[in-house]
Full PDB file with SEQRES, HELIX, SHEET, SSBOND, CRYST1, ORIGX, SCALE, CONECT and MASTER records, all heavy atoms in Angstrom:
SEQRES   1 A   32  GLY GLN TYR LEU GLY GLU LYS TYR ASN PHE GLU ARG LEU          
SEQRES   2 A   32  THR SER ALA ARG GLU LEU VAL LYS ARG LYS ALA ILE LYS          
SEQRES   3 A   32  LYS ARG MET PRO LYS GLN                                      
HELIX    1 AA1 LEU A    4  LYS A    7  1                                   4    
HELIX    2 AA2 GLU A   18  ILE A   25  1                                   8    
CRYST1    1.000    1.000    1.000  90.00  90.00  90.00 P 1           1          
ORIGX1      1.000000  0.000000  0.000000        0.00000                         
ORIGX2      0.000000  1.000000  0.000000        0.00000                         
ORIGX3      0.000000  0.000000  1.000000        0.00000                         
SCALE1      1.000000  0.000000  0.000000        0.00000                         
SCALE2      0.000000  1.000000  0.000000        0.00000                         
SCALE3      0.000000  0.000000  1.000000        0.00000                         
ATOM      1  N   GLY A   1    -274.787   8.408 155.918  1.00  0.00           N  
ATOM      2  CA  GLY A   1    -275.079   7.316 154.961  1.00  0.00           C  
ATOM      3  C   GLY A   1    -273.956   7.009 154.005  1.00  0.00           C  
ATOM      4  O   GLY A   1    -274.093   6.171 153.153  1.00  0.00           O  
ATOM      5  N   GLN A   2    -272.813   7.656 154.176  1.00  0.00           N  
ATOM      6  CA  GLN A   2    -271.665   7.409 153.300  1.00  0.00           C  
ATOM      7  C   GLN A   2    -270.906   6.179 153.742  1.00  0.00           C  
ATOM      8  O   GLN A   2    -270.645   6.000 154.959  1.00  0.00           O  
ATOM      9  CB  GLN A   2    -270.738   8.599 153.276  1.00  0.00           C  
ATOM     10  CG  GLN A   2    -269.600   8.489 152.255  1.00  0.00           C  
ATOM     11  CD  GLN A   2    -268.711   9.727 152.224  1.00  0.00           C  
ATOM     12  OE1 GLN A   2    -268.691  10.524 153.192  1.00  0.00           O  
ATOM     13  NE2 GLN A   2    -268.016   9.936 151.129  1.00  0.00           N  
ATOM     14  N   TYR A   3    -270.603   5.287 152.802  1.00  0.00           N  
ATOM     15  CA  TYR A   3    -269.856   4.096 153.157  1.00  0.00           C  
ATOM     16  C   TYR A   3    -268.416   4.461 153.529  1.00  0.00           C  
ATOM     17  O   TYR A   3    -267.803   5.349 152.961  1.00  0.00           O  
ATOM     18  CB  TYR A   3    -269.806   3.121 151.943  1.00  0.00           C  
ATOM     19  CG  TYR A   3    -271.126   2.526 151.608  1.00  0.00           C  
ATOM     20  CD1 TYR A   3    -271.688   2.741 150.327  1.00  0.00           C  
ATOM     21  CD2 TYR A   3    -271.850   1.741 152.504  1.00  0.00           C  
ATOM     22  CE1 TYR A   3    -272.906   2.189 149.974  1.00  0.00           C  
ATOM     23  CE2 TYR A   3    -273.090   1.207 152.181  1.00  0.00           C  
ATOM     24  CZ  TYR A   3    -273.606   1.440 150.893  1.00  0.00           C  
ATOM     25  OH  TYR A   3    -274.815   0.888 150.567  1.00  0.00           O  
ATOM     26  N   LEU A   4    -267.859   3.663 154.503  1.00  0.00           N  
ATOM     27  CA  LEU A   4    -266.465   3.960 154.942  1.00  0.00           C  
ATOM     28  C   LEU A   4    -265.540   3.692 153.738  1.00  0.00           C  
ATOM     29  O   LEU A   4    -264.499   4.385 153.634  1.00  0.00           O  
ATOM     30  CB  LEU A   4    -266.094   3.016 156.094  1.00  0.00           C  
ATOM     31  CG  LEU A   4    -266.852   3.231 157.379  1.00  0.00           C  
ATOM     32  CD1 LEU A   4    -266.346   2.264 158.422  1.00  0.00           C  
ATOM     33  CD2 LEU A   4    -266.672   4.666 157.863  1.00  0.00           C  
ATOM     34  N   GLY A   5    -265.885   2.768 152.869  1.00  0.00           N  
ATOM     35  CA  GLY A   5    -265.054   2.476 151.690  1.00  0.00           C  
ATOM     36  C   GLY A   5    -264.978   3.646 150.734  1.00  0.00           C  
ATOM     37  O   GLY A   5    -264.079   3.658 149.854  1.00  0.00           O  
ATOM     38  N   GLU A   6    -265.907   4.597 150.820  1.00  0.00           N  
ATOM     39  CA  GLU A   6    -265.864   5.791 149.983  1.00  0.00           C  
ATOM     40  C   GLU A   6    -264.975   6.855 150.563  1.00  0.00           C  
ATOM     41  O   GLU A   6    -264.523   7.774 149.876  1.00  0.00           O  
ATOM     42  CB  GLU A   6    -267.283   6.346 149.767  1.00  0.00           C  
ATOM     43  CG  GLU A   6    -268.219   5.407 149.041  1.00  0.00           C  
ATOM     44  CD  GLU A   6    -269.636   5.935 148.920  1.00  0.00           C  
ATOM     45  OE1 GLU A   6    -270.197   6.314 149.984  1.00  0.00           O  
ATOM     46  OE2 GLU A   6    -270.148   6.007 147.798  1.00  0.00           O  
ATOM     47  N   LYS A   7    -264.647   6.730 151.857  1.00  0.00           N  
ATOM     48  CA  LYS A   7    -263.868   7.739 152.549  1.00  0.00           C  
ATOM     49  C   LYS A   7    -262.407   7.342 152.722  1.00  0.00           C  
ATOM     50  O   LYS A   7    -261.537   8.185 152.763  1.00  0.00           O  
ATOM     51  CB  LYS A   7    -264.473   8.041 153.913  1.00  0.00           C  
ATOM     52  CG  LYS A   7    -265.911   8.546 153.845  1.00  0.00           C  
ATOM     53  CD  LYS A   7    -266.538   8.639 155.226  1.00  0.00           C  
ATOM     54  CE  LYS A   7    -265.920   9.739 156.062  1.00  0.00           C  
ATOM     55  NZ  LYS A   7    -266.648   9.918 157.360  1.00  0.00           N  
ATOM     56  N   TYR A   8    -262.191   6.009 152.825  1.00  0.00           N  
ATOM     57  CA  TYR A   8    -260.824   5.522 153.110  1.00  0.00           C  
ATOM     58  C   TYR A   8    -260.477   4.361 152.180  1.00  0.00           C  
ATOM     59  O   TYR A   8    -261.327   3.754 151.573  1.00  0.00           O  
ATOM     60  CB  TYR A   8    -260.719   5.055 154.605  1.00  0.00           C  
ATOM     61  CG  TYR A   8    -261.239   6.053 155.592  1.00  0.00           C  
ATOM     62  CD1 TYR A   8    -262.480   5.844 156.191  1.00  0.00           C  
ATOM     63  CD2 TYR A   8    -260.527   7.189 155.895  1.00  0.00           C  
ATOM     64  CE1 TYR A   8    -262.972   6.787 157.114  1.00  0.00           C  
ATOM     65  CE2 TYR A   8    -260.994   8.090 156.817  1.00  0.00           C  
ATOM     66  CZ  TYR A   8    -262.231   7.907 157.415  1.00  0.00           C  
ATOM     67  OH  TYR A   8    -262.698   8.798 158.290  1.00  0.00           O  
ATOM     68  N   ASN A   9    -259.178   4.098 152.114  1.00  0.00           N  
ATOM     69  CA  ASN A   9    -258.717   3.016 151.249  1.00  0.00           C  
ATOM     70  C   ASN A   9    -258.490   1.758 152.089  1.00  0.00           C  
ATOM     71  O   ASN A   9    -257.543   1.684 152.850  1.00  0.00           O  
ATOM     72  CB  ASN A   9    -257.398   3.444 150.563  1.00  0.00           C  
ATOM     73  CG  ASN A   9    -257.473   4.749 149.834  1.00  0.00           C  
ATOM     74  OD1 ASN A   9    -258.386   4.933 149.018  1.00  0.00           O  
ATOM     75  ND2 ASN A   9    -256.543   5.659 150.091  1.00  0.00           N  
ATOM     76  N   PHE A  10    -259.411   0.812 151.949  1.00  0.00           N  
ATOM     77  CA  PHE A  10    -259.335  -0.434 152.717  1.00  0.00           C  
ATOM     78  C   PHE A  10    -258.696  -1.517 151.900  1.00  0.00           C  
ATOM     79  O   PHE A  10    -258.885  -1.610 150.683  1.00  0.00           O  
ATOM     80  CB  PHE A  10    -260.741  -0.902 153.124  1.00  0.00           C  
ATOM     81  CG  PHE A  10    -261.366  -0.084 154.220  1.00  0.00           C  
ATOM     82  CD1 PHE A  10    -262.147   1.002 153.911  1.00  0.00           C  
ATOM     83  CD2 PHE A  10    -261.178  -0.400 155.554  1.00  0.00           C  
ATOM     84  CE1 PHE A  10    -262.768   1.739 154.920  1.00  0.00           C  
ATOM     85  CE2 PHE A  10    -261.756   0.325 156.562  1.00  0.00           C  
ATOM     86  CZ  PHE A  10    -262.571   1.422 156.257  1.00  0.00           C  
ATOM     87  N   GLU A  11    -257.940  -2.389 152.551  1.00  0.00           N  
ATOM     88  CA  GLU A  11    -257.371  -3.564 151.901  1.00  0.00           C  
ATOM     89  C   GLU A  11    -257.289  -4.685 152.900  1.00  0.00           C  
ATOM     90  O   GLU A  11    -256.691  -4.574 153.962  1.00  0.00           O  
ATOM     91  CB  GLU A  11    -256.021  -3.269 151.298  1.00  0.00           C  
ATOM     92  CG  GLU A  11    -255.494  -4.395 150.446  1.00  0.00           C  
ATOM     93  CD  GLU A  11    -254.375  -3.937 149.514  1.00  0.00           C  
ATOM     94  OE1 GLU A  11    -254.153  -2.716 149.391  1.00  0.00           O  
ATOM     95  OE2 GLU A  11    -253.699  -4.829 148.951  1.00  0.00           O  
ATOM     96  N   ARG A  12    -257.933  -5.796 152.545  1.00  0.00           N  
ATOM     97  CA  ARG A  12    -257.957  -6.970 153.411  1.00  0.00           C  
ATOM     98  C   ARG A  12    -256.790  -7.888 153.058  1.00  0.00           C  
ATOM     99  O   ARG A  12    -256.523  -8.149 151.906  1.00  0.00           O  
ATOM    100  CB  ARG A  12    -259.302  -7.739 153.192  1.00  0.00           C  
ATOM    101  CG  ARG A  12    -259.486  -8.971 154.054  1.00  0.00           C  
ATOM    102  CD  ARG A  12    -260.733  -9.711 153.640  1.00  0.00           C  
ATOM    103  NE  ARG A  12    -261.908  -8.965 153.932  1.00  0.00           N  
ATOM    104  CZ  ARG A  12    -262.867  -9.375 154.781  1.00  0.00           C  
ATOM    105  NH1 ARG A  12    -262.738 -10.532 155.412  1.00  0.00           N  
ATOM    106  NH2 ARG A  12    -263.932  -8.639 154.998  1.00  0.00           N  
ATOM    107  N   LEU A  13    -256.107  -8.359 154.107  1.00  0.00           N  
ATOM    108  CA  LEU A  13    -254.928  -9.227 153.940  1.00  0.00           C  
ATOM    109  C   LEU A  13    -255.141 -10.555 154.621  1.00  0.00           C  
ATOM    110  O   LEU A  13    -255.844 -10.647 155.623  1.00  0.00           O  
ATOM    111  CB  LEU A  13    -253.698  -8.554 154.537  1.00  0.00           C  
ATOM    112  CG  LEU A  13    -253.344  -7.126 154.059  1.00  0.00           C  
ATOM    113  CD1 LEU A  13    -252.228  -6.550 154.903  1.00  0.00           C  
ATOM    114  CD2 LEU A  13    -252.961  -7.119 152.604  1.00  0.00           C  
ATOM    115  N   THR A  14    -254.511 -11.591 154.068  1.00  0.00           N  
ATOM    116  CA  THR A  14    -254.484 -12.877 154.769  1.00  0.00           C  
ATOM    117  C   THR A  14    -253.563 -12.843 155.958  1.00  0.00           C  
ATOM    118  O   THR A  14    -253.845 -13.401 157.014  1.00  0.00           O  
ATOM    119  CB  THR A  14    -254.009 -13.990 153.804  1.00  0.00           C  
ATOM    120  OG1 THR A  14    -254.864 -14.017 152.646  1.00  0.00           O  
ATOM    121  CG2 THR A  14    -254.089 -15.349 154.452  1.00  0.00           C  
ATOM    122  N   SER A  15    -252.418 -12.182 155.773  1.00  0.00           N  
ATOM    123  CA  SER A  15    -251.510 -11.904 156.883  1.00  0.00           C  
ATOM    124  C   SER A  15    -250.759 -10.613 156.573  1.00  0.00           C  
ATOM    125  O   SER A  15    -250.632 -10.239 155.399  1.00  0.00           O  
ATOM    126  CB  SER A  15    -250.549 -13.069 157.140  1.00  0.00           C  
ATOM    127  OG  SER A  15    -249.261 -12.820 156.607  1.00  0.00           O  
ATOM    128  N   ALA A  16    -250.309  -9.932 157.598  1.00  0.00           N  
ATOM    129  CA  ALA A  16    -249.623  -8.647 157.409  1.00  0.00           C  
ATOM    130  C   ALA A  16    -248.320  -8.812 156.608  1.00  0.00           C  
ATOM    131  O   ALA A  16    -247.816  -7.834 156.022  1.00  0.00           O  
ATOM    132  CB  ALA A  16    -249.359  -7.981 158.748  1.00  0.00           C  
ATOM    133  N   ARG A  17    -247.772 -10.030 156.595  1.00  0.00           N  
ATOM    134  CA  ARG A  17    -246.553 -10.267 155.836  1.00  0.00           C  
ATOM    135  C   ARG A  17    -246.723  -9.994 154.358  1.00  0.00           C  
ATOM    136  O   ARG A  17    -245.760  -9.778 153.614  1.00  0.00           O  
ATOM    137  CB  ARG A  17    -246.062 -11.724 156.027  1.00  0.00           C  
ATOM    138  CG  ARG A  17    -245.442 -12.003 157.400  1.00  0.00           C  
ATOM    139  CD  ARG A  17    -244.856 -13.405 157.409  1.00  0.00           C  
ATOM    140  NE  ARG A  17    -245.864 -14.414 157.286  1.00  0.00           N  
ATOM    141  CZ  ARG A  17    -246.457 -15.081 158.310  1.00  0.00           C  
ATOM    142  NH1 ARG A  17    -246.056 -14.824 159.540  1.00  0.00           N  
ATOM    143  NH2 ARG A  17    -247.390 -15.985 158.112  1.00  0.00           N  
ATOM    144  N   GLU A  18    -247.947 -10.017 153.865  1.00  0.00           N  
ATOM    145  CA  GLU A  18    -248.232  -9.800 152.465  1.00  0.00           C  
ATOM    146  C   GLU A  18    -247.686  -8.460 151.983  1.00  0.00           C  
ATOM    147  O   GLU A  18    -247.282  -8.323 150.840  1.00  0.00           O  
ATOM    148  CB  GLU A  18    -249.724  -9.866 152.180  1.00  0.00           C  
ATOM    149  CG  GLU A  18    -250.297 -11.245 152.170  1.00  0.00           C  
ATOM    150  CD  GLU A  18    -251.802 -11.230 151.873  1.00  0.00           C  
ATOM    151  OE1 GLU A  18    -252.238 -10.449 151.000  1.00  0.00           O  
ATOM    152  OE2 GLU A  18    -252.534 -11.977 152.503  1.00  0.00           O  
ATOM    153  N   LEU A  19    -247.682  -7.474 152.863  1.00  0.00           N  
ATOM    154  CA  LEU A  19    -247.184  -6.114 152.495  1.00  0.00           C  
ATOM    155  C   LEU A  19    -245.723  -6.189 152.118  1.00  0.00           C  
ATOM    156  O   LEU A  19    -245.284  -5.511 151.191  1.00  0.00           O  
ATOM    157  CB  LEU A  19    -247.407  -5.158 153.643  1.00  0.00           C  
ATOM    158  CG  LEU A  19    -248.862  -4.775 153.955  1.00  0.00           C  
ATOM    159  CD1 LEU A  19    -248.979  -3.963 155.225  1.00  0.00           C  
ATOM    160  CD2 LEU A  19    -249.480  -4.026 152.783  1.00  0.00           C  
ATOM    161  N   VAL A  20    -244.938  -6.991 152.824  1.00  0.00           N  
ATOM    162  CA  VAL A  20    -243.503  -7.084 152.522  1.00  0.00           C  
ATOM    163  C   VAL A  20    -243.288  -7.929 151.273  1.00  0.00           C  
ATOM    164  O   VAL A  20    -242.472  -7.553 150.399  1.00  0.00           O  
ATOM    165  CB  VAL A  20    -242.763  -7.741 153.723  1.00  0.00           C  
ATOM    166  CG1 VAL A  20    -241.267  -7.906 153.411  1.00  0.00           C  
ATOM    167  CG2 VAL A  20    -242.931  -6.876 154.994  1.00  0.00           C  
ATOM    168  N   LYS A  21    -244.021  -9.033 151.168  1.00  0.00           N  
ATOM    169  CA  LYS A  21    -243.866  -9.905 150.001  1.00  0.00           C  
ATOM    170  C   LYS A  21    -244.308  -9.211 148.734  1.00  0.00           C  
ATOM    171  O   LYS A  21    -243.724  -9.378 147.670  1.00  0.00           O  
ATOM    172  CB  LYS A  21    -244.663 -11.196 150.218  1.00  0.00           C  
ATOM    173  CG  LYS A  21    -244.118 -12.091 151.303  1.00  0.00           C  
ATOM    174  CD  LYS A  21    -244.768 -13.418 151.293  1.00  0.00           C  
ATOM    175  CE  LYS A  21    -246.245 -13.302 151.659  1.00  0.00           C  
ATOM    176  NZ  LYS A  21    -246.923 -14.586 151.618  1.00  0.00           N  
ATOM    177  N   ARG A  22    -245.365  -8.368 148.841  1.00  0.00           N  
ATOM    178  CA  ARG A  22    -245.835  -7.636 147.672  1.00  0.00           C  
ATOM    179  C   ARG A  22    -244.812  -6.698 147.097  1.00  0.00           C  
ATOM    180  O   ARG A  22    -244.672  -6.533 145.882  1.00  0.00           O  
ATOM    181  CB  ARG A  22    -247.078  -6.871 148.054  1.00  0.00           C  
ATOM    182  CG  ARG A  22    -247.770  -6.138 146.906  1.00  0.00           C  
ATOM    183  CD  ARG A  22    -248.884  -5.313 147.413  1.00  0.00           C  
ATOM    184  NE  ARG A  22    -249.841  -6.113 148.162  1.00  0.00           N  
ATOM    185  CZ  ARG A  22    -250.767  -5.618 148.966  1.00  0.00           C  
ATOM    186  NH1 ARG A  22    -250.855  -4.323 149.147  1.00  0.00           N  
ATOM    187  NH2 ARG A  22    -251.628  -6.421 149.579  1.00  0.00           N  
ATOM    188  N   LYS A  23    -244.018  -6.109 147.976  1.00  0.00           N  
ATOM    189  CA  LYS A  23    -242.975  -5.168 147.526  1.00  0.00           C  
ATOM    190  C   LYS A  23    -241.958  -5.943 146.660  1.00  0.00           C  
ATOM    191  O   LYS A  23    -241.455  -5.413 145.645  1.00  0.00           O  
ATOM    192  CB  LYS A  23    -242.261  -4.560 148.751  1.00  0.00           C  
ATOM    193  CG  LYS A  23    -241.268  -3.462 148.359  1.00  0.00           C  
ATOM    194  CD  LYS A  23    -240.666  -2.808 149.586  1.00  0.00           C  
ATOM    195  CE  LYS A  23    -239.704  -1.728 149.225  1.00  0.00           C  
ATOM    196  NZ  LYS A  23    -239.092  -1.096 150.424  1.00  0.00           N  
ATOM    197  N   ALA A  24    -241.634  -7.167 147.041  1.00  0.00           N  
ATOM    198  CA  ALA A  24    -240.687  -7.948 146.267  1.00  0.00           C  
ATOM    199  C   ALA A  24    -241.320  -8.367 144.906  1.00  0.00           C  
ATOM    200  O   ALA A  24    -240.627  -8.365 143.885  1.00  0.00           O  
ATOM    201  CB  ALA A  24    -240.257  -9.205 147.046  1.00  0.00           C  
ATOM    202  N   ILE A  25    -242.596  -8.692 144.909  1.00  0.00           N  
ATOM    203  CA  ILE A  25    -243.251  -9.126 143.688  1.00  0.00           C  
ATOM    204  C   ILE A  25    -243.334  -7.966 142.706  1.00  0.00           C  
ATOM    205  O   ILE A  25    -243.222  -8.150 141.502  1.00  0.00           O  
ATOM    206  CB  ILE A  25    -244.693  -9.641 144.019  1.00  0.00           C  
ATOM    207  CG1 ILE A  25    -244.591 -10.944 144.790  1.00  0.00           C  
ATOM    208  CG2 ILE A  25    -245.515  -9.834 142.746  1.00  0.00           C  
ATOM    209  CD1 ILE A  25    -245.918 -11.456 145.340  1.00  0.00           C  
ATOM    210  N   LYS A  26    -243.486  -6.745 143.200  1.00  0.00           N  
ATOM    211  CA  LYS A  26    -243.633  -5.592 142.289  1.00  0.00           C  
ATOM    212  C   LYS A  26    -242.396  -5.349 141.432  1.00  0.00           C  
ATOM    213  O   LYS A  26    -242.448  -4.654 140.465  1.00  0.00           O  
ATOM    214  CB  LYS A  26    -243.936  -4.330 143.124  1.00  0.00           C  
ATOM    215  CG  LYS A  26    -245.390  -4.229 143.573  1.00  0.00           C  
ATOM    216  CD  LYS A  26    -245.659  -2.939 144.308  1.00  0.00           C  
ATOM    217  CE  LYS A  26    -247.105  -2.829 144.697  1.00  0.00           C  
ATOM    218  NZ  LYS A  26    -247.396  -1.566 145.434  1.00  0.00           N  
ATOM    219  N   LYS A  27    -241.280  -5.973 141.839  1.00  0.00           N  
ATOM    220  CA  LYS A  27    -240.056  -5.748 141.084  1.00  0.00           C  
ATOM    221  C   LYS A  27    -240.061  -6.448 139.724  1.00  0.00           C  
ATOM    222  O   LYS A  27    -239.240  -6.153 138.861  1.00  0.00           O  
ATOM    223  CB  LYS A  27    -238.837  -6.216 141.923  1.00  0.00           C  
ATOM    224  CG  LYS A  27    -238.642  -5.403 143.155  1.00  0.00           C  
ATOM    225  CD  LYS A  27    -237.445  -5.932 143.951  1.00  0.00           C  
ATOM    226  CE  LYS A  27    -237.234  -5.117 145.215  1.00  0.00           C  
ATOM    227  NZ  LYS A  27    -236.083  -5.651 146.048  1.00  0.00           N  
ATOM    228  N   ARG A  28    -240.987  -7.420 139.527  1.00  0.00           N  
ATOM    229  CA  ARG A  28    -241.034  -8.085 138.228  1.00  0.00           C  
ATOM    230  C   ARG A  28    -242.361  -7.830 137.539  1.00  0.00           C  
ATOM    231  O   ARG A  28    -243.391  -7.656 138.183  1.00  0.00           O  
ATOM    232  CB  ARG A  28    -240.835  -9.603 138.425  1.00  0.00           C  
ATOM    233  CG  ARG A  28    -241.951 -10.327 139.124  1.00  0.00           C  
ATOM    234  CD  ARG A  28    -241.710 -11.827 139.071  1.00  0.00           C  
ATOM    235  NE  ARG A  28    -242.768 -12.554 139.761  1.00  0.00           N  
ATOM    236  CZ  ARG A  28    -243.894 -12.923 139.190  1.00  0.00           C  
ATOM    237  NH1 ARG A  28    -244.141 -12.561 137.933  1.00  0.00           N  
ATOM    238  NH2 ARG A  28    -244.824 -13.622 139.849  1.00  0.00           N  
ATOM    239  N   MET A  29    -242.363  -7.819 136.233  1.00  0.00           N  
ATOM    240  CA  MET A  29    -243.521  -7.582 135.423  1.00  0.00           C  
ATOM    241  C   MET A  29    -244.400  -8.836 135.356  1.00  0.00           C  
ATOM    242  O   MET A  29    -243.911  -9.933 135.080  1.00  0.00           O  
ATOM    243  CB  MET A  29    -243.111  -7.176 133.992  1.00  0.00           C  
ATOM    244  CG  MET A  29    -244.246  -7.067 133.009  1.00  0.00           C  
ATOM    245  SD  MET A  29    -245.388  -5.702 133.405  1.00  0.00           S  
ATOM    246  CE  MET A  29    -244.292  -4.321 133.102  1.00  0.00           C  
ATOM    247  N   PRO A  30    -245.721  -8.725 135.642  1.00  0.00           N  
ATOM    248  CA  PRO A  30    -246.597  -9.884 135.479  1.00  0.00           C  
ATOM    249  C   PRO A  30    -246.588 -10.388 134.037  1.00  0.00           C  
ATOM    250  O   PRO A  30    -246.389  -9.602 133.115  1.00  0.00           O  
ATOM    251  CB  PRO A  30    -247.977  -9.342 135.833  1.00  0.00           C  
ATOM    252  CG  PRO A  30    -247.730  -8.090 136.628  1.00  0.00           C  
ATOM    253  CD  PRO A  30    -246.436  -7.540 136.134  1.00  0.00           C  
ATOM    254  N   LYS A  31    -246.761 -11.714 133.887  1.00  0.00           N  
ATOM    255  CA  LYS A  31    -246.692 -12.272 132.539  1.00  0.00           C  
ATOM    256  C   LYS A  31    -248.076 -12.504 131.941  1.00  0.00           C  
ATOM    257  O   LYS A  31    -248.270 -12.338 130.769  1.00  0.00           O  
ATOM    258  CB  LYS A  31    -245.937 -13.616 132.593  1.00  0.00           C  
ATOM    259  CG  LYS A  31    -244.458 -13.481 132.969  1.00  0.00           C  
ATOM    260  CD  LYS A  31    -243.778 -14.854 133.038  1.00  0.00           C  
ATOM    261  CE  LYS A  31    -242.344 -14.726 133.425  1.00  0.00           C  
ATOM    262  NZ  LYS A  31    -241.679 -16.046 133.560  1.00  0.00           N  
ATOM    263  N   GLN A  32    -249.040 -12.859 132.822  1.00  0.00           N  
ATOM    264  CA  GLN A  32    -250.379 -13.227 132.301  1.00  0.00           C  
ATOM    265  C   GLN A  32    -251.458 -12.715 133.222  1.00  0.00           C  
ATOM    266  O   GLN A  32    -251.366 -12.754 134.433  1.00  0.00           O  
ATOM    267  CB  GLN A  32    -250.504 -14.732 132.103  1.00  0.00           C  
ATOM    268  CG  GLN A  32    -251.805 -15.141 131.444  1.00  0.00           C  
ATOM    269  CD  GLN A  32    -251.926 -16.664 131.375  1.00  0.00           C  
ATOM    270  OE1 GLN A  32    -251.681 -17.354 132.319  1.00  0.00           O  
ATOM    271  NE2 GLN A  32    -252.389 -17.149 130.203  1.00  0.00           N  
TER     272      GLN A  32                                                      
MASTER        0    0    0    2    0    0    0    6  271    1    0    3          
END                                                                             
């Protein structure tokens, strides 16, 4: 009865390229 989300870290993406682009975004501090 345990949800898979309680056992593993899931993340839904629009495309796998987001993982690469996210790394570049992390280099700057969010403003708002």
